[in-house]
Amino acid sequence: MMTKLQTAMILAAGKGTRMRELSEQMPKPMVLVNGISLVDRLLAHAEQAGIEKVIINVHHLAGMLEHHLAPYTSDGFVEVSDERGELLETGGGVKKALPKLGNEPFLVMNGDALWIDKDESNIDRLAEHWNPEEMDVLLLLVPTDEALGYDGVGDFLGAGEGAFSIEFLGEASTASNMYAGVQIVKPEMYEGTPDGAFSNVEIFRKAAQHGRLYGLVIDGSWMHVGTPEAVKEAEEKLKELGAA
């Protein structure tokens, strides 16, 4: 039975320094790929999956991002988590937003994640495979050799049909998969975590230590959009796929 995900968070507070001059002009999630911003693409994925509320954190050029999000905030679909005072990284950002995210497992998406679903929404696939009896975290994974614009190594070792238990190796040459920037996580995983800034990597490690970190390989095309050059590569890939 598919889990009904009610809330999601988009991590949009980072400075996006690898975008160089683009990051000086706008927050990275507002960068356009084929005329559509990264954050609008993520919100479309969330809406398609039936998410009722999306929390988006802001820090770098926060006012600009808030203005962009105004149509979504006015109808209650989006709520902003303000990190102007301190950049909290991925884990700290989620922890600050927990009161807005509720007590049930929720979706977290990196603000620069870009993917095109193949036959089914990958958020729906995560929800279908989510098993709270066995899992604390379920990551969407992409094989490193299929990740457009990424030439590094993977972090996660494991394989199987559907969702499978994975080991978190960090940057290890033997790892076959990398994190696609989308996950389901239980809110209690943030209990006992540091105050202030910390990475969601700590949540992955925590789940892996108890054998409760799982992965699901993406069904579709995933693009790493970290630099201006990668934006052009992504646009070429979308054209090749016949996608907007």
C-alpha atoms as a PDB file:
ATOM      1  CA  MET A   1       0.000   0.000   0.000  1.00  0.00           C
ATOM      2  CA  MET A   2       1.336   3.423  -0.922  1.00  0.00           C
ATOM      3  CA  THR A   3       2.237   5.696   1.987  1.00  0.00           C
ATOM      4  CA  LYS A   4       0.437   9.033   1.790  1.00  0.00           C
ATOM      5  CA  LEU A   5       3.111  11.683   2.027  1.00  0.00           C
ATOM      6  CA  GLN A   6       1.529  14.902   3.207  1.00  0.00           C
ATOM      7  CA  THR A   7       4.517  17.188   3.641  1.00  0.00           C
ATOM      8  CA  ALA A   8       7.822  17.811   1.885  1.00  0.00           C
ATOM      9  CA  MET A   9      10.818  20.066   2.294  1.00  0.00           C
ATOM     10  CA  ILE A  10      12.930  21.627  -0.435  1.00  0.00           C
ATOM     11  CA  LEU A  11      16.438  22.572   0.696  1.00  0.00           C
ATOM     12  CA  ALA A  12      16.962  25.918  -0.997  1.00  0.00           C
ATOM     13  CA  ALA A  13      19.143  27.916   1.392  1.00  0.00           C
ATOM     14  CA  GLY A  14      22.619  27.135   0.017  1.00  0.00           C
ATOM     15  CA  LYS A  15      24.771  29.725  -1.720  1.00  0.00           C
ATOM     16  CA  GLY A  16      25.382  27.696  -4.891  1.00  0.00           C
ATOM     17  CA  THR A  17      28.903  29.089  -5.294  1.00  0.00           C
ATOM     18  CA  ARG A  18      29.793  26.691  -8.132  1.00  0.00           C
ATOM     19  CA  MET A  19      27.211  28.502 -10.236  1.00  0.00           C
ATOM     20  CA  ARG A  20      29.649  31.454 -10.139  1.00  0.00           C
ATOM     21  CA  GLU A  21      28.062  34.635 -11.552  1.00  0.00           C
ATOM     22  CA  LEU A  22      24.603  33.041 -11.645  1.00  0.00           C
ATOM     23  CA  SER A  23      24.691  32.597  -7.857  1.00  0.00           C
ATOM     24  CA  GLU A  24      25.358  36.312  -7.481  1.00  0.00           C
ATOM     25  CA  GLN A  25      22.228  37.101  -9.477  1.00  0.00           C
ATOM     26  CA  MET A  26      19.765  34.627  -7.953  1.00  0.00           C
ATOM     27  CA  PRO A  27      19.425  31.746  -5.491  1.00  0.00           C
ATOM     28  CA  LYS A  28      20.491  28.484  -7.126  1.00  0.00           C
ATOM     29  CA  PRO A  29      16.963  26.971  -7.020  1.00  0.00           C
ATOM     30  CA  MET A  30      15.801  29.843  -9.238  1.00  0.00           C
ATOM     31  CA  VAL A  31      18.282  28.996 -12.014  1.00  0.00           C
ATOM     32  CA  LEU A  32      16.394  28.342 -15.231  1.00  0.00           C
ATOM     33  CA  VAL A  33      16.732  25.137 -17.218  1.00  0.00           C
ATOM     34  CA  ASN A  34      14.789  25.383 -20.470  1.00  0.00           C
ATOM     35  CA  GLY A  35      13.033  28.434 -19.068  1.00  0.00           C
ATOM     36  CA  ILE A  36      11.733  26.666 -15.947  1.00  0.00           C
ATOM     37  CA  SER A  37      13.390  27.190 -12.569  1.00  0.00           C
ATOM     38  CA  LEU A  38      14.711  24.248 -10.572  1.00  0.00           C
ATOM     39  CA  VAL A  39      12.399  25.054  -7.672  1.00  0.00           C
ATOM     40  CA  ASP A  40       9.325  25.217  -9.912  1.00  0.00           C
ATOM     41  CA  ARG A  41      10.234  21.812 -11.309  1.00  0.00           C
ATOM     42  CA  LEU A  42      10.465  20.389  -7.790  1.00  0.00           C
ATOM     43  CA  LEU A  43       7.141  21.918  -6.787  1.00  0.00           C
ATOM     44  CA  ALA A  44       5.555  20.366  -9.871  1.00  0.00           C
ATOM     45  CA  HIS A  45       6.885  16.937  -8.831  1.00  0.00           C
ATOM     46  CA  ALA A  46       5.481  17.457  -5.329  1.00  0.00           C
ATOM     47  CA  GLU A  47       2.090  18.569  -6.624  1.00  0.00           C
ATOM     48  CA  GLN A  48       1.894  15.635  -9.005  1.00  0.00           C
ATOM     49  CA  ALA A  49       2.575  13.266  -6.096  1.00  0.00           C
ATOM     50  CA  GLY A  50      -0.245  14.762  -4.038  1.00  0.00           C
ATOM     51  CA  ILE A  51       1.933  16.507  -1.463  1.00  0.00           C
ATOM     52  CA  GLU A  52      -0.265  18.931   0.475  1.00  0.00           C
ATOM     53  CA  LYS A  53       2.382  21.273   1.894  1.00  0.00           C
ATOM     54  CA  VAL A  54       5.984  22.095   0.995  1.00  0.00           C
ATOM     55  CA  ILE A  55       8.417  23.819   3.341  1.00  0.00           C
ATOM     56  CA  ILE A  56      11.235  25.726   1.629  1.00  0.00           C
ATOM     57  CA  ASN A  57      14.149  27.181   3.578  1.00  0.00           C
ATOM     58  CA  VAL A  58      15.724  30.465   2.505  1.00  0.00           C
ATOM     59  CA  HIS A  59      19.060  32.144   3.252  1.00  0.00           C
ATOM     60  CA  HIS A  60      21.039  33.321   0.199  1.00  0.00           C
ATOM     61  CA  LEU A  61      19.153  36.147  -1.547  1.00  0.00           C
ATOM     62  CA  ALA A  62      16.187  35.139   0.583  1.00  0.00           C
ATOM     63  CA  GLY A  63      13.959  38.045  -0.422  1.00  0.00           C
ATOM     64  CA  MET A  64      14.285  37.199  -4.108  1.00  0.00           C
ATOM     65  CA  LEU A  65      13.313  33.575  -3.511  1.00  0.00           C
ATOM     66  CA  GLU A  66      10.408  34.578  -1.269  1.00  0.00           C
ATOM     67  CA  HIS A  67       9.116  36.884  -4.014  1.00  0.00           C
ATOM     68  CA  HIS A  68       9.366  34.056  -6.544  1.00  0.00           C
ATOM     69  CA  LEU A  69       7.463  31.747  -4.206  1.00  0.00           C
ATOM     70  CA  ALA A  70       4.699  34.266  -3.431  1.00  0.00           C
ATOM     71  CA  PRO A  71       2.070  32.620  -5.686  1.00  0.00           C
ATOM     72  CA  TYR A  72       2.666  29.317  -3.876  1.00  0.00           C
ATOM     73  CA  THR A  73       2.712  30.790  -0.373  1.00  0.00           C
ATOM     74  CA  SER A  74      -0.452  32.798  -0.971  1.00  0.00           C
ATOM     75  CA  ASP A  75      -2.490  29.648  -1.571  1.00  0.00           C
ATOM     76  CA  GLY A  76      -0.899  27.776   1.340  1.00  0.00           C
ATOM     77  CA  PHE A  77       0.959  25.181  -0.728  1.00  0.00           C
ATOM     78  CA  VAL A  78       4.371  26.528   0.313  1.00  0.00           C
ATOM     79  CA  GLU A  79       5.576  27.798   3.680  1.00  0.00           C
ATOM     80  CA  VAL A  80       8.984  29.420   4.125  1.00  0.00           C
ATOM     81  CA  SER A  81      11.491  28.446   6.825  1.00  0.00           C
ATOM     82  CA  ASP A  82      13.655  31.509   7.374  1.00  0.00           C
ATOM     83  CA  GLU A  83      17.395  30.880   7.804  1.00  0.00           C
ATOM     84  CA  ARG A  84      18.568  34.426   7.170  1.00  0.00           C
ATOM     85  CA  GLY A  85      20.291  34.527  10.563  1.00  0.00           C
ATOM     86  CA  GLU A  86      22.370  31.389  10.099  1.00  0.00           C
ATOM     87  CA  LEU A  87      22.954  28.910   7.286  1.00  0.00           C
ATOM     88  CA  LEU A  88      22.137  25.547   8.873  1.00  0.00           C
ATOM     89  CA  GLU A  89      23.230  23.128   6.106  1.00  0.00           C
ATOM     90  CA  THR A  90      20.943  20.283   5.048  1.00  0.00           C
ATOM     91  CA  GLY A  91      20.411  18.549   8.375  1.00  0.00           C
ATOM     92  CA  GLY A  92      20.147  21.682  10.463  1.00  0.00           C
ATOM     93  CA  GLY A  93      17.722  23.166   7.959  1.00  0.00           C
ATOM     94  CA  VAL A  94      15.404  20.172   8.214  1.00  0.00           C
ATOM     95  CA  LYS A  95      15.662  20.149  12.006  1.00  0.00           C
ATOM     96  CA  LYS A  96      14.621  23.802  12.239  1.00  0.00           C
ATOM     97  CA  ALA A  97      11.608  23.118  10.016  1.00  0.00           C
ATOM     98  CA  LEU A  98      10.385  20.049  11.949  1.00  0.00           C
ATOM     99  CA  PRO A  99       7.514  21.921  13.646  1.00  0.00           C
ATOM    100  CA  LYS A 100       6.183  22.770  10.184  1.00  0.00           C
ATOM    101  CA  LEU A 101       6.751  19.259   8.791  1.00  0.00           C
ATOM    102  CA  GLY A 102       4.680  17.339  11.338  1.00  0.00           C
ATOM    103  CA  ASN A 103       5.081  13.996  13.076  1.00  0.00           C
ATOM    104  CA  GLU A 104       4.804  11.643  10.104  1.00  0.00           C
ATOM    105  CA  PRO A 105       7.565  10.640   7.651  1.00  0.00           C
ATOM    106  CA  PHE A 106       8.125  13.364   5.076  1.00  0.00           C
ATOM    107  CA  LEU A 107       9.872  13.945   1.772  1.00  0.00           C
ATOM    108  CA  VAL A 108      13.081  15.975   1.469  1.00  0.00           C
ATOM    109  CA  MET A 109      14.384  17.235  -1.884  1.00  0.00           C
ATOM    110  CA  ASN A 110      17.619  19.066  -2.605  1.00  0.00           C
ATOM    111  CA  GLY A 111      16.958  22.418  -4.228  1.00  0.00           C
ATOM    112  CA  ASP A 112      19.123  21.552  -7.245  1.00  0.00           C
ATOM    113  CA  ALA A 113      17.725  18.062  -7.906  1.00  0.00           C
ATOM    114  CA  LEU A 114      16.616  17.689 -11.515  1.00  0.00           C
ATOM    115  CA  TRP A 115      15.139  14.523 -12.924  1.00  0.00           C
ATOM    116  CA  ILE A 116      12.628  13.388 -15.496  1.00  0.00           C
ATOM    117  CA  ASP A 117      10.313  10.528 -14.526  1.00  0.00           C
ATOM    118  CA  LYS A 118      10.020   7.675 -16.974  1.00  0.00           C
ATOM    119  CA  ASP A 119       6.751   5.746 -16.545  1.00  0.00           C
ATOM    120  CA  GLU A 120       5.811   6.678 -12.985  1.00  0.00           C
ATOM    121  CA  SER A 121       6.480   9.473 -10.541  1.00  0.00           C
ATOM    122  CA  ASN A 122       9.633   8.617  -8.604  1.00  0.00           C
ATOM    123  CA  ILE A 123       8.113  10.252  -5.528  1.00  0.00           C
ATOM    124  CA  ASP A 124       5.192   7.842  -5.858  1.00  0.00           C
ATOM    125  CA  ARG A 125       7.660   4.978  -6.230  1.00  0.00           C
ATOM    126  CA  LEU A 126       9.388   6.002  -2.992  1.00  0.00           C
ATOM    127  CA  ALA A 127       6.001   6.148  -1.252  1.00  0.00           C
ATOM    128  CA  GLU A 128       5.061   2.712  -2.601  1.00  0.00           C
ATOM    129  CA  HIS A 129       8.285   1.133  -1.322  1.00  0.00           C
ATOM    130  CA  TRP A 130       8.386   2.934   2.024  1.00  0.00           C
ATOM    131  CA  ASN A 131       8.159   0.442   4.906  1.00  0.00           C
ATOM    132  CA  PRO A 132       8.392   2.137   8.317  1.00  0.00           C
ATOM    133  CA  GLU A 133       8.790  -1.218  10.029  1.00  0.00           C
ATOM    134  CA  GLU A 134      12.139  -1.739   8.297  1.00  0.00           C
ATOM    135  CA  MET A 135      13.249   1.736   7.241  1.00  0.00           C
ATOM    136  CA  ASP A 136      14.168   5.012   8.873  1.00  0.00           C
ATOM    137  CA  VAL A 137      15.405   6.596   5.639  1.00  0.00           C
ATOM    138  CA  LEU A 138      14.686   5.694   2.015  1.00  0.00           C
ATOM    139  CA  LEU A 139      16.897   7.411  -0.553  1.00  0.00           C
ATOM    140  CA  LEU A 140      16.327   7.797  -4.261  1.00  0.00           C
ATOM    141  CA  LEU A 141      19.567   6.636  -5.881  1.00  0.00           C
ATOM    142  CA  VAL A 142      21.102   7.002  -9.310  1.00  0.00           C
ATOM    143  CA  PRO A 143      23.876   4.767 -10.685  1.00  0.00           C
ATOM    144  CA  THR A 144      26.981   6.927 -10.973  1.00  0.00           C
ATOM    145  CA  ASP A 145      27.544   5.916 -14.590  1.00  0.00           C
ATOM    146  CA  GLU A 146      24.056   7.170 -15.494  1.00  0.00           C
ATOM    147  CA  ALA A 147      24.283  10.538 -13.725  1.00  0.00           C
ATOM    148  CA  LEU A 148      24.572  13.288 -16.325  1.00  0.00           C
ATOM    149  CA  GLY A 149      27.140  15.925 -15.424  1.00  0.00           C
ATOM    150  CA  TYR A 150      28.659  13.933 -12.573  1.00  0.00           C
ATOM    151  CA  ASP A 151      32.114  12.377 -12.840  1.00  0.00           C
ATOM    152  CA  GLY A 152      32.763  11.486  -9.205  1.00  0.00           C
ATOM    153  CA  VAL A 153      32.312   8.249  -7.300  1.00  0.00           C
ATOM    154  CA  GLY A 154      29.250   6.927  -5.507  1.00  0.00           C
ATOM    155  CA  ASP A 155      28.517   6.837  -1.798  1.00  0.00           C
ATOM    156  CA  PHE A 156      26.102   3.933  -1.424  1.00  0.00           C
ATOM    157  CA  LEU A 157      26.706   0.211  -1.879  1.00  0.00           C
ATOM    158  CA  GLY A 158      23.848  -2.184  -2.449  1.00  0.00           C
ATOM    159  CA  ALA A 159      21.645  -3.622  -5.162  1.00  0.00           C
ATOM    160  CA  GLY A 160      18.351  -5.377  -5.605  1.00  0.00           C
ATOM    161  CA  GLU A 161      14.859  -5.163  -7.011  1.00  0.00           C
ATOM    162  CA  GLY A 162      12.697  -2.453  -5.540  1.00  0.00           C
ATOM    163  CA  ALA A 163      13.953  -0.928  -2.306  1.00  0.00           C
ATOM    164  CA  PHE A 164      17.049  -2.539  -0.824  1.00  0.00           C
ATOM    165  CA  SER A 165      19.222  -2.110   2.246  1.00  0.00           C
ATOM    166  CA  ILE A 166      22.311  -0.003   1.520  1.00  0.00           C
ATOM    167  CA  GLU A 167      25.641   0.746   3.122  1.00  0.00           C
ATOM    168  CA  PHE A 168      26.901   4.304   3.312  1.00  0.00           C
ATOM    169  CA  LEU A 169      30.573   4.246   2.381  1.00  0.00           C
ATOM    170  CA  GLY A 170      31.180   7.931   1.800  1.00  0.00           C
ATOM    171  CA  GLU A 171      33.368   8.613  -1.208  1.00  0.00           C
ATOM    172  CA  ALA A 172      34.480   5.075  -1.980  1.00  0.00           C
ATOM    173  CA  SER A 173      35.448   3.824  -5.417  1.00  0.00           C
ATOM    174  CA  THR A 174      33.521   0.600  -4.879  1.00  0.00           C
ATOM    175  CA  ALA A 175      30.185   2.356  -4.378  1.00  0.00           C
ATOM    176  CA  SER A 176      27.884   1.948  -7.373  1.00  0.00           C
ATOM    177  CA  ASN A 177      25.178   4.471  -6.551  1.00  0.00           C
ATOM    178  CA  MET A 178      24.923   8.101  -5.544  1.00  0.00           C
ATOM    179  CA  TYR A 179      22.190  10.049  -3.789  1.00  0.00           C
ATOM    180  CA  ALA A 180      19.740  11.652  -6.206  1.00  0.00           C
ATOM    181  CA  GLY A 181      18.740  14.367  -3.729  1.00  0.00           C
ATOM    182  CA  VAL A 182      15.309  12.940  -2.813  1.00  0.00           C
ATOM    183  CA  GLN A 183      14.438  10.965   0.315  1.00  0.00           C
ATOM    184  CA  ILE A 184      11.738   9.924   2.747  1.00  0.00           C
ATOM    185  CA  VAL A 185      12.804  10.247   6.385  1.00  0.00           C
ATOM    186  CA  LYS A 186      11.229   9.844   9.802  1.00  0.00           C
ATOM    187  CA  PRO A 187      11.224  13.047  11.878  1.00  0.00           C
ATOM    188  CA  GLU A 188      12.554  11.193  14.940  1.00  0.00           C
ATOM    189  CA  MET A 189      15.848  10.667  13.104  1.00  0.00           C
ATOM    190  CA  TYR A 190      16.681  14.270  14.003  1.00  0.00           C
ATOM    191  CA  GLU A 191      16.361  13.642  17.739  1.00  0.00           C
ATOM    192  CA  GLY A 192      19.694  14.016  19.493  1.00  0.00           C
ATOM    193  CA  THR A 193      21.313  15.791  16.548  1.00  0.00           C
ATOM    194  CA  PRO A 194      23.449  18.916  17.098  1.00  0.00           C
ATOM    195  CA  ASP A 195      21.948  22.352  17.372  1.00  0.00           C
ATOM    196  CA  GLY A 196      22.974  24.629  14.531  1.00  0.00           C
ATOM    197  CA  ALA A 197      24.503  23.527  11.247  1.00  0.00           C
ATOM    198  CA  PHE A 198      25.031  19.869  10.320  1.00  0.00           C
ATOM    199  CA  SER A 199      24.645  17.699   7.230  1.00  0.00           C
ATOM    200  CA  ASN A 200      21.968  15.140   6.432  1.00  0.00           C
ATOM    201  CA  VAL A 201      24.907  12.800   5.926  1.00  0.00           C
ATOM    202  CA  GLU A 202      24.745  12.317   9.705  1.00  0.00           C
ATOM    203  CA  ILE A 203      21.167  11.071   9.346  1.00  0.00           C
ATOM    204  CA  PHE A 204      22.258   8.616   6.642  1.00  0.00           C
ATOM    205  CA  ARG A 205      25.045   7.304   8.885  1.00  0.00           C
ATOM    206  CA  LYS A 206      22.690   6.959  11.815  1.00  0.00           C
ATOM    207  CA  ALA A 207      20.193   4.917   9.804  1.00  0.00           C
ATOM    208  CA  ALA A 208      22.927   2.782   8.225  1.00  0.00           C
ATOM    209  CA  GLN A 209      24.391   1.885  11.634  1.00  0.00           C
ATOM    210  CA  HIS A 210      21.109   0.183  12.501  1.00  0.00           C
ATOM    211  CA  GLY A 211      20.584  -1.420   9.094  1.00  0.00           C
ATOM    212  CA  ARG A 212      17.640   0.906   8.434  1.00  0.00           C
ATOM    213  CA  LEU A 213      19.020   2.901   5.484  1.00  0.00           C
ATOM    214  CA  TYR A 214      17.414   1.834   2.206  1.00  0.00           C
ATOM    215  CA  GLY A 215      17.671   2.904  -1.404  1.00  0.00           C
ATOM    216  CA  LEU A 216      15.548   2.806  -4.539  1.00  0.00           C
ATOM    217  CA  VAL A 217      17.121   3.322  -7.962  1.00  0.00           C
ATOM    218  CA  ILE A 218      15.522   6.065 -10.031  1.00  0.00           C
ATOM    219  CA  ASP A 219      13.345   5.159 -13.004  1.00  0.00           C
ATOM    220  CA  GLY A 220      14.115   7.985 -15.368  1.00  0.00           C
ATOM    221  CA  SER A 221      16.878  10.451 -16.167  1.00  0.00           C
ATOM    222  CA  TRP A 222      18.815  12.418 -13.536  1.00  0.00           C
ATOM    223  CA  MET A 223      20.972  15.473 -14.125  1.00  0.00           C
ATOM    224  CA  HIS A 224      23.550  17.140 -11.899  1.00  0.00           C
ATOM    225  CA  VAL A 225      23.051  20.893 -12.293  1.00  0.00           C
ATOM    226  CA  GLY A 226      25.922  22.378 -10.336  1.00  0.00           C
ATOM    227  CA  THR A 227      27.583  24.761 -12.785  1.00  0.00           C
ATOM    228  CA  PRO A 228      26.590  27.010 -15.710  1.00  0.00           C
ATOM    229  CA  GLU A 229      28.074  24.397 -18.048  1.00  0.00           C
ATOM    230  CA  ALA A 230      25.876  21.722 -16.450  1.00  0.00           C
ATOM    231  CA  VAL A 231      22.790  23.850 -17.122  1.00  0.00           C
ATOM    232  CA  LYS A 232      23.561  23.684 -20.837  1.00  0.00           C
ATOM    233  CA  GLU A 233      24.145  19.919 -20.648  1.00  0.00           C
ATOM    234  CA  ALA A 234      20.841  19.460 -18.862  1.00  0.00           C
ATOM    235  CA  GLU A 235      19.015  21.514 -21.484  1.00  0.00           C
ATOM    236  CA  GLU A 236      20.512  19.374 -24.237  1.00  0.00           C
ATOM    237  CA  LYS A 237      19.448  16.210 -22.388  1.00  0.00           C
ATOM    238  CA  LEU A 238      15.901  17.485 -21.934  1.00  0.00           C
ATOM    239  CA  LYS A 239      15.723  18.268 -25.637  1.00  0.00           C
ATOM    240  CA  GLU A 240      16.957  14.754 -26.412  1.00  0.00           C
ATOM    241  CA  LEU A 241      14.257  13.304 -24.119  1.00  0.00           C
ATOM    242  CA  GLY A 242      11.586  15.525 -25.618  1.00  0.00           C
ATOM    243  CA  ALA A 243      10.882  16.944 -22.162  1.00  0.00           C
ATOM    244  CA  ALA A 244      10.125  20.512 -21.118  1.00  0.00           C
END
